[in-house]
C-alpha atoms as a PDB file:
ATOM      1  CA  MET A   1    -242.640 150.337 -77.753  1.00  0.00           C
ATOM      2  CA  GLY A   2    -246.015 152.058 -77.665  1.00  0.00           C
ATOM      3  CA  VAL A   3    -248.615 149.346 -77.225  1.00  0.00           C
ATOM      4  CA  SER A   4    -252.212 150.204 -76.512  1.00  0.00           C
ATOM      5  CA  PRO A   5    -253.930 148.399 -73.630  1.00  0.00           C
ATOM      6  CA  LYS A   6    -255.784 146.224 -76.110  1.00  0.00           C
ATOM      7  CA  THR A   7    -254.007 145.151 -79.291  1.00  0.00           C
ATOM      8  CA  THR A   8    -255.102 142.741 -82.047  1.00  0.00           C
ATOM      9  CA  LEU A   9    -252.355 140.850 -83.812  1.00  0.00           C
ATOM     10  CA  ALA A  10    -253.118 138.790 -86.911  1.00  0.00           C
ATOM     11  CA  PRO A  11    -251.031 135.656 -87.326  1.00  0.00           C
ATOM     12  CA  PRO A  12    -249.419 135.496 -90.785  1.00  0.00           C
ATOM     13  CA  TRP A  13    -250.470 131.931 -91.572  1.00  0.00           C
ATOM     14  CA  GLY A  14    -254.207 132.698 -91.724  1.00  0.00           C
ATOM     15  CA  PRO A  15    -257.020 130.159 -91.669  1.00  0.00           C
ATOM     16  CA  ARG A  16    -255.363 127.652 -94.029  1.00  0.00           C
ATOM     17  CA  VAL A  17    -253.315 126.041 -91.231  1.00  0.00           C
ATOM     18  CA  PRO A  18    -255.027 122.857 -90.000  1.00  0.00           C
ATOM     19  CA  HIS A  19    -253.798 123.260 -86.416  1.00  0.00           C
ATOM     20  CA  SER A  20    -253.712 127.036 -86.281  1.00  0.00           C
ATOM     21  CA  PRO A  21    -255.413 129.199 -83.725  1.00  0.00           C
ATOM     22  CA  SER A  22    -258.277 131.358 -84.904  1.00  0.00           C
ATOM     23  CA  SER A  23    -257.274 133.713 -87.682  1.00  0.00           C
ATOM     24  CA  PHE A  24    -256.990 136.600 -85.208  1.00  0.00           C
ATOM     25  CA  LEU A  25    -255.718 136.553 -81.649  1.00  0.00           C
ATOM     26  CA  THR A  26    -256.781 139.320 -79.305  1.00  0.00           C
ATOM     27  CA  PHE A  27    -254.578 140.134 -76.355  1.00  0.00           C
ATOM     28  CA  ASP A  28    -255.608 142.015 -73.218  1.00  0.00           C
ATOM     29  CA  MET A  29    -251.958 142.838 -72.688  1.00  0.00           C
ATOM     30  CA  THR A  30    -252.367 141.750 -69.093  1.00  0.00           C
ATOM     31  CA  GLU A  31    -249.585 139.435 -68.049  1.00  0.00           C
ATOM     32  CA  SER A  32    -251.763 136.345 -67.477  1.00  0.00           C
ATOM     33  CA  ARG A  33    -253.730 136.598 -70.737  1.00  0.00           C
ATOM     34  CA  GLU A  34    -250.621 137.287 -72.836  1.00  0.00           C
ATOM     35  CA  THR A  35    -248.688 134.449 -71.220  1.00  0.00           C
ATOM     36  CA  GLN A  36    -251.600 132.079 -71.763  1.00  0.00           C
ATOM     37  CA  SER A  37    -251.796 132.988 -75.463  1.00  0.00           C
ATOM     38  CA  ILE A  38    -248.043 132.602 -75.906  1.00  0.00           C
ATOM     39  CA  GLU A  39    -248.199 129.218 -74.188  1.00  0.00           C
ATOM     40  CA  GLU A  40    -251.069 128.133 -76.455  1.00  0.00           C
ATOM     41  CA  LEU A  41    -249.056 129.144 -79.512  1.00  0.00           C
ATOM     42  CA  LYS A  42    -246.013 127.246 -78.224  1.00  0.00           C
ATOM     43  CA  THR A  43    -248.198 124.143 -77.837  1.00  0.00           C
ATOM     44  CA  GLN A  44    -249.507 124.520 -81.381  1.00  0.00           C
ATOM     45  CA  ILE A  45    -245.963 124.942 -82.688  1.00  0.00           C
ATOM     46  CA  LYS A  46    -244.920 121.790 -80.867  1.00  0.00           C
ATOM     47  CA  ARG A  47    -247.780 119.824 -82.433  1.00  0.00           C
ATOM     48  CA  LEU A  48    -247.100 121.180 -85.912  1.00  0.00           C
ATOM     49  CA  ASN A  49    -243.395 120.456 -85.476  1.00  0.00           C
ATOM     50  CA  SER A  50    -244.258 116.823 -84.744  1.00  0.00           C
ATOM     51  CA  LYS A  51    -246.441 116.657 -87.863  1.00  0.00           C
ATOM     52  CA  ALA A  52    -243.661 118.291 -89.912  1.00  0.00           C
ATOM     53  CA  GLY A  53    -241.173 115.690 -88.733  1.00  0.00           C
ATOM     54  CA  GLN A  54    -243.533 112.893 -89.746  1.00  0.00           C
ATOM     55  CA  MET A  55    -244.060 114.467 -93.176  1.00  0.00           C
ATOM     56  CA  LYS A  56    -240.296 114.783 -93.626  1.00  0.00           C
ATOM     57  CA  MET A  57    -239.887 111.066 -92.877  1.00  0.00           C
ATOM     58  CA  ASP A  58    -242.735 110.182 -95.265  1.00  0.00           C
ATOM     59  CA  LEU A  59    -241.088 112.229 -98.021  1.00  0.00           C
ATOM     60  CA  HIS A  60    -237.744 110.564 -97.323  1.00  0.00           C
ATOM     61  CA  ASP A  61    -239.313 107.096 -97.458  1.00  0.00           C
ATOM     62  CA  LEU A  62    -241.061 107.943-100.713  1.00  0.00           C
ATOM     63  CA  ALA A  63    -237.817 109.247-102.237  1.00  0.00           C
ATOM     64  CA  GLU A  64    -235.934 106.110-101.200  1.00  0.00           C
ATOM     65  CA  GLY A  65    -238.504 103.971-102.997  1.00  0.00           C
ATOM     66  CA  LEU A  66    -238.289 105.815-106.310  1.00  0.00           C
ATOM     67  CA  PRO A  67    -239.255 105.129-109.043  1.00  0.00           C
ATOM     68  CA  THR A  68    -242.070 103.262-107.246  1.00  0.00           C
ATOM     69  CA  ASN A  69    -244.963 105.600-106.381  1.00  0.00           C
ATOM     70  CA  TYR A  70    -243.313 108.544-108.160  1.00  0.00           C
ATOM     71  CA  GLN A  71    -246.838 109.866-108.854  1.00  0.00           C
ATOM     72  CA  GLN A  72    -247.202 110.755-105.165  1.00  0.00           C
ATOM     73  CA  LEU A  73    -243.906 112.625-104.944  1.00  0.00           C
ATOM     74  CA  MET A  74    -245.158 116.117-105.879  1.00  0.00           C
ATOM     75  CA  ASP A  75    -248.176 115.946-103.561  1.00  0.00           C
ATOM     76  CA  VAL A  76    -246.169 114.759-100.571  1.00  0.00           C
ATOM     77  CA  ALA A  77    -243.399 117.284-101.266  1.00  0.00           C
ATOM     78  CA  ALA A  78    -245.909 120.154-101.566  1.00  0.00           C
ATOM     79  CA  GLU A  79    -247.632 119.176 -98.318  1.00  0.00           C
ATOM     80  CA  THR A  80    -244.271 118.886 -96.531  1.00  0.00           C
ATOM     81  CA  TYR A  81    -243.213 122.291 -97.843  1.00  0.00           C
ATOM     82  CA  GLU A  82    -246.482 123.880 -96.699  1.00  0.00           C
ATOM     83  CA  ILE A  83    -246.177 122.479 -93.176  1.00  0.00           C
ATOM     84  CA  TYR A  84    -242.614 123.757 -92.816  1.00  0.00           C
ATOM     85  CA  ARG A  85    -243.618 127.156 -94.218  1.00  0.00           C
ATOM     86  CA  GLN A  86    -246.462 127.419 -91.711  1.00  0.00           C
ATOM     87  CA  LEU A  87    -244.178 126.310 -88.893  1.00  0.00           C
ATOM     88  CA  ASP A  88    -241.673 129.009 -89.800  1.00  0.00           C
ATOM     89  CA  GLU A  89    -244.388 131.680 -89.858  1.00  0.00           C
ATOM     90  CA  MET A  90    -245.748 130.549 -86.495  1.00  0.00           C
ATOM     91  CA  LYS A  91    -242.280 130.707 -84.939  1.00  0.00           C
ATOM     92  CA  GLN A  92    -241.727 134.216 -86.305  1.00  0.00           C
ATOM     93  CA  TYR A  93    -245.125 135.285 -84.960  1.00  0.00           C
ATOM     94  CA  LEU A  94    -244.281 133.841 -81.534  1.00  0.00           C
ATOM     95  CA  LYS A  95    -241.048 135.786 -81.549  1.00  0.00           C
ATOM     96  CA  LYS A  96    -242.976 139.016 -82.243  1.00  0.00           C
ATOM     97  CA  LEU A  97    -245.434 138.258 -79.445  1.00  0.00           C
ATOM     98  CA  GLU A  98    -242.600 137.661 -77.005  1.00  0.00           C
ATOM     99  CA  GLN A  99    -240.992 140.976 -77.995  1.00  0.00           C
ATOM    100  CA  VAL A 100    -244.247 142.854 -77.285  1.00  0.00           C
ATOM    101  CA  LYS A 101    -244.387 141.249 -73.839  1.00  0.00           C
END
């Protein structure tokens, strides 16, 4: 793969992710800088995965209690969906970074 010494990769999730890195990551393509950035992304994925798991449990609890609090169902479901979508995008981005390595 032809990679220039300095490459800018834009993560797909953009600035709307609460725990995302900056909207653009710049890599030196030196081993230590690239590894550090990959490790930072793995840490962020781990944190978001924890949040996603909590949201999944909250959605489950809300669904079990239906019809009580049915008004909250769409908001909680939308937030849970968004977290899992962001998590998926971050994992795909990490995979691309690891392939460039």
